[in-house]
Amino acid sequence: MAGKLCPNCNQYTFFETATGRKCTKCNYEMTVPSNSGKGGKGQKCPNCNKYTVFNNKCSSCGAKFSKNDI
């Protein structure tokens, strides 16, 4: 299965990871930071297992967390 085009080695080996993307050929990594729900990936929600927790609330399932929970 082909991935996306790697900007470093120009091969279709750029696959999605939990924190962004990584090339399996040249090990180039791109991380997507969370930024208050305005794009990027948030923290992982233990309830729905999606990376949609911003400001201690999951935007996918609506679960609320204290700062020590995540």
PDB file of N, CA and C in Angstrom:
ATOM      1  N   MET A   1       0.844  -1.172   0.000  1.00  0.00           N
ATOM      2  CA  MET A   1       0.000   0.000   0.000  1.00  0.00           C
ATOM      3  C   MET A   1       0.894   1.241   0.000  1.00  0.00           C
ATOM      4  N   ALA A   2       0.649   2.152  -0.891  1.00  0.00           N
ATOM      5  CA  ALA A   2       1.454   3.356  -1.007  1.00  0.00           C
ATOM      6  C   ALA A   2       0.962   4.423  -0.043  1.00  0.00           C
ATOM      7  N   GLY A   3       1.911   5.174   0.492  1.00  0.00           N
ATOM      8  CA  GLY A   3       1.575   6.282   1.374  1.00  0.00           C
ATOM      9  C   GLY A   3       1.532   7.575   0.579  1.00  0.00           C
ATOM     10  N   LYS A   4       1.623   8.675   1.286  1.00  0.00           N
ATOM     11  CA  LYS A   4       1.670   9.995   0.656  1.00  0.00           C
ATOM     12  C   LYS A   4       3.090  10.261   0.168  1.00  0.00           C
ATOM     13  N   LEU A   5       3.252  11.289  -0.641  1.00  0.00           N
ATOM     14  CA  LEU A   5       4.553  11.660  -1.187  1.00  0.00           C
ATOM     15  C   LEU A   5       5.405  12.328  -0.104  1.00  0.00           C
ATOM     16  N   CYS A   6       6.572  11.780   0.154  1.00  0.00           N
ATOM     17  CA  CYS A   6       7.483  12.325   1.157  1.00  0.00           C
ATOM     18  C   CYS A   6       8.145  13.586   0.594  1.00  0.00           C
ATOM     19  N   PRO A   7       8.116  14.707   1.342  1.00  0.00           N
ATOM     20  CA  PRO A   7       8.751  15.932   0.842  1.00  0.00           C
ATOM     21  C   PRO A   7      10.276  15.875   0.860  1.00  0.00           C
ATOM     22  N   ASN A   8      10.853  14.894   1.543  1.00  0.00           N
ATOM     23  CA  ASN A   8      12.302  14.788   1.649  1.00  0.00           C
ATOM     24  C   ASN A   8      12.903  13.914   0.545  1.00  0.00           C
ATOM     25  N   CYS A   9      12.359  12.700   0.344  1.00  0.00           N
ATOM     26  CA  CYS A   9      12.951  11.770  -0.626  1.00  0.00           C
ATOM     27  C   CYS A   9      12.096  11.586  -1.887  1.00  0.00           C
ATOM     28  N   ASN A  10      10.938  12.221  -1.958  1.00  0.00           N
ATOM     29  CA  ASN A  10      10.038  12.174  -3.120  1.00  0.00           C
ATOM     30  C   ASN A  10       9.575  10.766  -3.477  1.00  0.00           C
ATOM     31  N   GLN A  11       9.397   9.922  -2.471  1.00  0.00           N
ATOM     32  CA  GLN A  11       8.846   8.584  -2.662  1.00  0.00           C
ATOM     33  C   GLN A  11       7.492   8.517  -1.958  1.00  0.00           C
ATOM     34  N   TYR A  12       6.655   7.590  -2.370  1.00  0.00           N
ATOM     35  CA  TYR A  12       5.333   7.432  -1.753  1.00  0.00           C
ATOM     36  C   TYR A  12       5.424   6.511  -0.530  1.00  0.00           C
ATOM     37  N   THR A  13       6.196   6.963   0.457  1.00  0.00           N
ATOM     38  CA  THR A  13       6.436   6.176   1.668  1.00  0.00           C
ATOM     39  C   THR A  13       6.182   7.005   2.925  1.00  0.00           C
ATOM     40  N   PHE A  14       5.290   7.987   2.851  1.00  0.00           N
ATOM     41  CA  PHE A  14       5.010   8.910   3.948  1.00  0.00           C
ATOM     42  C   PHE A  14       3.688   8.506   4.589  1.00  0.00           C
ATOM     43  N   PHE A  15       3.765   7.807   5.731  1.00  0.00           N
ATOM     44  CA  PHE A  15       2.577   7.231   6.361  1.00  0.00           C
ATOM     45  C   PHE A  15       2.180   7.985   7.618  1.00  0.00           C
ATOM     46  N   GLU A  16       0.886   7.957   7.940  1.00  0.00           N
ATOM     47  CA  GLU A  16       0.350   8.638   9.111  1.00  0.00           C
ATOM     48  C   GLU A  16       0.686   7.863  10.381  1.00  0.00           C
ATOM     49  N   THR A  17       1.093   8.600  11.423  1.00  0.00           N
ATOM     50  CA  THR A  17       1.359   8.023  12.738  1.00  0.00           C
ATOM     51  C   THR A  17       0.446   8.710  13.750  1.00  0.00           C
ATOM     52  N   ALA A  18       0.607   8.386  15.013  1.00  0.00           N
ATOM     53  CA  ALA A  18      -0.239   8.978  16.054  1.00  0.00           C
ATOM     54  C   ALA A  18       0.021  10.469  16.236  1.00  0.00           C
ATOM     55  N   THR A  19       1.211  10.928  15.928  1.00  0.00           N
ATOM     56  CA  THR A  19       1.548  12.335  16.146  1.00  0.00           C
ATOM     57  C   THR A  19       1.774  13.119  14.864  1.00  0.00           C
ATOM     58  N   GLY A  20       1.574  12.534  13.722  1.00  0.00           N
ATOM     59  CA  GLY A  20       1.788  13.225  12.454  1.00  0.00           C
ATOM     60  C   GLY A  20       2.032  12.239  11.332  1.00  0.00           C
ATOM     61  N   ARG A  21       3.165  12.377  10.623  1.00  0.00           N
ATOM     62  CA  ARG A  21       3.525  11.468   9.541  1.00  0.00           C
ATOM     63  C   ARG A  21       5.004  11.126   9.625  1.00  0.00           C
ATOM     64  N   LYS A  22       5.367   9.949   9.096  1.00  0.00           N
ATOM     65  CA  LYS A  22       6.764   9.515   9.082  1.00  0.00           C
ATOM     66  C   LYS A  22       7.033   8.744   7.799  1.00  0.00           C
ATOM     67  N   CYS A  23       8.194   9.010   7.196  1.00  0.00           N
ATOM     68  CA  CYS A  23       8.623   8.299   5.992  1.00  0.00           C
ATOM     69  C   CYS A  23       9.346   7.024   6.408  1.00  0.00           C
ATOM     70  N   THR A  24       8.945   5.902   5.813  1.00  0.00           N
ATOM     71  CA  THR A  24       9.569   4.624   6.151  1.00  0.00           C
ATOM     72  C   THR A  24      10.897   4.411   5.422  1.00  0.00           C
ATOM     73  N   LYS A  25      11.174   5.216   4.405  1.00  0.00           N
ATOM     74  CA  LYS A  25      12.426   5.062   3.661  1.00  0.00           C
ATOM     75  C   LYS A  25      13.549   5.933   4.235  1.00  0.00           C
ATOM     76  N   CYS A  26      13.291   7.221   4.442  1.00  0.00           N
ATOM     77  CA  CYS A  26      14.350   8.129   4.897  1.00  0.00           C
ATOM     78  C   CYS A  26      14.170   8.580   6.349  1.00  0.00           C
ATOM     79  N   ASN A  27      13.127   8.096   7.037  1.00  0.00           N
ATOM     80  CA  ASN A  27      12.827   8.420   8.436  1.00  0.00           C
ATOM     81  C   ASN A  27      12.516   9.893   8.679  1.00  0.00           C
ATOM     82  N   TYR A  28      12.124  10.623   7.635  1.00  0.00           N
ATOM     83  CA  TYR A  28      11.689  12.011   7.800  1.00  0.00           C
ATOM     84  C   TYR A  28      10.381  12.020   8.585  1.00  0.00           C
ATOM     85  N   GLU A  29      10.284  12.886   9.607  1.00  0.00           N
ATOM     86  CA  GLU A  29       9.079  12.947  10.431  1.00  0.00           C
ATOM     87  C   GLU A  29       8.459  14.328  10.371  1.00  0.00           C
ATOM     88  N   MET A  30       7.138  14.370  10.371  1.00  0.00           N
ATOM     89  CA  MET A  30       6.390  15.613  10.444  1.00  0.00           C
ATOM     90  C   MET A  30       5.404  15.458  11.590  1.00  0.00           C
ATOM     91  N   THR A  31       5.467  16.343  12.570  1.00  0.00           N
ATOM     92  CA  THR A  31       4.539  16.276  13.690  1.00  0.00           C
ATOM     93  C   THR A  31       3.501  17.371  13.545  1.00  0.00           C
ATOM     94  N   VAL A  32       2.285  17.053  13.960  1.00  0.00           N
ATOM     95  CA  VAL A  32       1.186  18.005  13.894  1.00  0.00           C
ATOM     96  C   VAL A  32       0.851  18.412  15.326  1.00  0.00           C
ATOM     97  N   PRO A  33       1.194  19.637  15.734  1.00  0.00           N
ATOM     98  CA  PRO A  33       0.929  20.045  17.107  1.00  0.00           C
ATOM     99  C   PRO A  33      -0.539  20.390  17.321  1.00  0.00           C
ATOM    100  N   SER A  34      -1.008  20.182  18.545  1.00  0.00           N
ATOM    101  CA  SER A  34      -2.358  20.622  18.872  1.00  0.00           C
ATOM    102  C   SER A  34      -2.299  22.103  19.216  1.00  0.00           C
ATOM    103  N   ASN A  35      -3.306  22.830  18.824  1.00  0.00           N
ATOM    104  CA  ASN A  35      -3.313  24.263  19.107  1.00  0.00           C
ATOM    105  C   ASN A  35      -4.729  24.743  19.419  1.00  0.00           C
ATOM    106  N   SER A  36      -5.235  24.313  20.532  1.00  0.00           N
ATOM    107  CA  SER A  36      -6.528  24.747  21.067  1.00  0.00           C
ATOM    108  C   SER A  36      -7.694  24.474  20.129  1.00  0.00           C
ATOM    109  N   GLY A  37      -7.654  23.406  19.390  1.00  0.00           N
ATOM    110  CA  GLY A  37      -8.775  23.023  18.550  1.00  0.00           C
ATOM    111  C   GLY A  37      -8.874  23.758  17.235  1.00  0.00           C
ATOM    112  N   LYS A  38      -7.862  24.526  16.871  1.00  0.00           N
ATOM    113  CA  LYS A  38      -7.905  25.273  15.618  1.00  0.00           C
ATOM    114  C   LYS A  38      -7.150  24.547  14.516  1.00  0.00           C
ATOM    115  N   GLY A  39      -6.974  23.247  14.670  1.00  0.00           N
ATOM    116  CA  GLY A  39      -6.250  22.454  13.685  1.00  0.00           C
ATOM    117  C   GLY A  39      -5.233  21.589  14.379  1.00  0.00           C
ATOM    118  N   GLY A  40      -4.713  20.637  13.691  1.00  0.00           N
ATOM    119  CA  GLY A  40      -3.751  19.737  14.293  1.00  0.00           C
ATOM    120  C   GLY A  40      -4.436  18.674  15.121  1.00  0.00           C
ATOM    121  N   LYS A  41      -3.653  17.801  15.677  1.00  0.00           N
ATOM    122  CA  LYS A  41      -4.195  16.728  16.501  1.00  0.00           C
ATOM    123  C   LYS A  41      -4.133  17.122  17.961  1.00  0.00           C
ATOM    124  N   GLY A  42      -5.157  16.756  18.685  1.00  0.00           N
ATOM    125  CA  GLY A  42      -5.178  16.981  20.124  1.00  0.00           C
ATOM    126  C   GLY A  42      -4.607  15.784  20.851  1.00  0.00           C
ATOM    127  N   GLN A  43      -4.865  15.726  22.135  1.00  0.00           N
ATOM    128  CA  GLN A  43      -4.435  14.578  22.917  1.00  0.00           C
ATOM    129  C   GLN A  43      -5.427  13.442  22.721  1.00  0.00           C
ATOM    130  N   LYS A  44      -5.000  12.232  23.033  1.00  0.00           N
ATOM    131  CA  LYS A  44      -5.851  11.059  22.826  1.00  0.00           C
ATOM    132  C   LYS A  44      -6.895  10.953  23.930  1.00  0.00           C
ATOM    133  N   CYS A  45      -8.139  10.784  23.534  1.00  0.00           N
ATOM    134  CA  CYS A  45      -9.243  10.618  24.473  1.00  0.00           C
ATOM    135  C   CYS A  45      -9.301   9.153  24.901  1.00  0.00           C
ATOM    136  N   PRO A  46      -9.250   8.865  26.206  1.00  0.00           N
ATOM    137  CA  PRO A  46      -9.328   7.471  26.644  1.00  0.00           C
ATOM    138  C   PRO A  46     -10.725   6.878  26.489  1.00  0.00           C
ATOM    139  N   ASN A  47     -11.724   7.716  26.265  1.00  0.00           N
ATOM    140  CA  ASN A  47     -13.095   7.241  26.118  1.00  0.00           C
ATOM    141  C   ASN A  47     -13.383   6.756  24.694  1.00  0.00           C
ATOM    142  N   CYS A  48     -13.069   7.575  23.688  1.00  0.00           N
ATOM    143  CA  CYS A  48     -13.387   7.215  22.298  1.00  0.00           C
ATOM    144  C   CYS A  48     -12.146   6.850  21.477  1.00  0.00           C
ATOM    145  N   ASN A  49     -10.943   6.952  22.062  1.00  0.00           N
ATOM    146  CA  ASN A  49      -9.667   6.609  21.409  1.00  0.00           C
ATOM    147  C   ASN A  49      -9.368   7.441  20.171  1.00  0.00           C
ATOM    148  N   LYS A  50      -9.835   8.684  20.132  1.00  0.00           N
ATOM    149  CA  LYS A  50      -9.511   9.598  19.035  1.00  0.00           C
ATOM    150  C   LYS A  50      -8.657  10.730  19.577  1.00  0.00           C
ATOM    151  N   TYR A  51      -7.875  11.361  18.722  1.00  0.00           N
ATOM    152  CA  TYR A  51      -7.001  12.461  19.122  1.00  0.00           C
ATOM    153  C   TYR A  51      -7.747  13.786  18.978  1.00  0.00           C
ATOM    154  N   THR A  52      -8.774  13.976  19.803  1.00  0.00           N
ATOM    155  CA  THR A  52      -9.631  15.152  19.686  1.00  0.00           C
ATOM    156  C   THR A  52      -9.847  15.856  21.018  1.00  0.00           C
ATOM    157  N   VAL A  53      -8.890  15.755  21.962  1.00  0.00           N
ATOM    158  CA  VAL A  53      -9.025  16.428  23.259  1.00  0.00           C
ATOM    159  C   VAL A  53      -8.294  17.764  23.204  1.00  0.00           C
ATOM    160  N   PHE A  54      -9.055  18.845  23.309  1.00  0.00           N
ATOM    161  CA  PHE A  54      -8.534  20.202  23.352  1.00  0.00           C
ATOM    162  C   PHE A  54      -9.132  20.891  24.568  1.00  0.00           C
ATOM    163  N   ASN A  55      -8.315  21.607  25.326  1.00  0.00           N
ATOM    164  CA  ASN A  55      -8.768  22.340  26.513  1.00  0.00           C
ATOM    165  C   ASN A  55      -9.533  21.439  27.473  1.00  0.00           C
ATOM    166  N   ASN A  56      -9.019  20.234  27.703  1.00  0.00           N
ATOM    167  CA  ASN A  56      -9.579  19.263  28.650  1.00  0.00           C
ATOM    168  C   ASN A  56     -10.993  18.813  28.303  1.00  0.00           C
ATOM    169  N   LYS A  57     -11.385  18.873  27.028  1.00  0.00           N
ATOM    170  CA  LYS A  57     -12.687  18.379  26.588  1.00  0.00           C
ATOM    171  C   LYS A  57     -12.523  17.715  25.224  1.00  0.00           C
ATOM    172  N   CYS A  58     -13.143  16.547  25.068  1.00  0.00           N
ATOM    173  CA  CYS A  58     -13.088  15.834  23.794  1.00  0.00           C
ATOM    174  C   CYS A  58     -14.136  16.418  22.859  1.00  0.00           C
ATOM    175  N   SER A  59     -13.709  16.847  21.690  1.00  0.00           N
ATOM    176  CA  SER A  59     -14.650  17.425  20.736  1.00  0.00           C
ATOM    177  C   SER A  59     -15.398  16.352  19.958  1.00  0.00           C
ATOM    178  N   SER A  60     -15.002  15.088  20.112  1.00  0.00           N
ATOM    179  CA  SER A  60     -15.676  14.000  19.415  1.00  0.00           C
ATOM    180  C   SER A  60     -16.812  13.408  20.242  1.00  0.00           C
ATOM    181  N   CYS A  61     -16.524  13.011  21.488  1.00  0.00           N
ATOM    182  CA  CYS A  61     -17.551  12.353  22.305  1.00  0.00           C
ATOM    183  C   CYS A  61     -18.085  13.245  23.421  1.00  0.00           C
ATOM    184  N   GLY A  62     -17.447  14.392  23.672  1.00  0.00           N
ATOM    185  CA  GLY A  62     -17.934  15.330  24.675  1.00  0.00           C
ATOM    186  C   GLY A  62     -17.446  15.078  26.086  1.00  0.00           C
ATOM    187  N   ALA A  63     -16.559  14.103  26.292  1.00  0.00           N
ATOM    188  CA  ALA A  63     -16.055  13.811  27.633  1.00  0.00           C
ATOM    189  C   ALA A  63     -15.207  14.978  28.138  1.00  0.00           C
ATOM    190  N   LYS A  64     -15.333  15.269  29.433  1.00  0.00           N
ATOM    191  CA  LYS A  64     -14.560  16.341  30.055  1.00  0.00           C
ATOM    192  C   LYS A  64     -13.550  15.728  31.008  1.00  0.00           C
ATOM    193  N   PHE A  65     -12.366  16.341  31.095  1.00  0.00           N
ATOM    194  CA  PHE A  65     -11.275  15.813  31.897  1.00  0.00           C
ATOM    195  C   PHE A  65     -10.691  16.906  32.770  1.00  0.00           C
ATOM    196  N   SER A  66     -10.138  16.489  33.915  1.00  0.00           N
ATOM    197  CA  SER A  66      -9.336  17.425  34.696  1.00  0.00           C
ATOM    198  C   SER A  66      -7.927  17.388  34.114  1.00  0.00           C
ATOM    199  N   LYS A  67      -7.085  18.309  34.495  1.00  0.00           N
ATOM    200  CA  LYS A  67      -5.737  18.378  33.924  1.00  0.00           C
ATOM    201  C   LYS A  67      -4.906  17.147  34.253  1.00  0.00           C
ATOM    202  N   ASN A  68      -5.215  16.453  35.331  1.00  0.00           N
ATOM    203  CA  ASN A  68      -4.435  15.281  35.731  1.00  0.00           C
ATOM    204  C   ASN A  68      -4.904  13.997  35.061  1.00  0.00           C
ATOM    205  N   ASP A  69      -6.059  14.002  34.402  1.00  0.00           N
ATOM    206  CA  ASP A  69      -6.615  12.783  33.805  1.00  0.00           C
ATOM    207  C   ASP A  69      -5.900  12.361  32.535  1.00  0.00           C
ATOM    208  N   ILE A  70      -5.422  13.291  31.756  1.00  0.00           N
ATOM    209  CA  ILE A  70      -4.885  12.951  30.440  1.00  0.00           C
ATOM    210  C   ILE A  70      -3.376  12.882  30.474  1.00  0.00           C
TER     211      ILE A  70
END
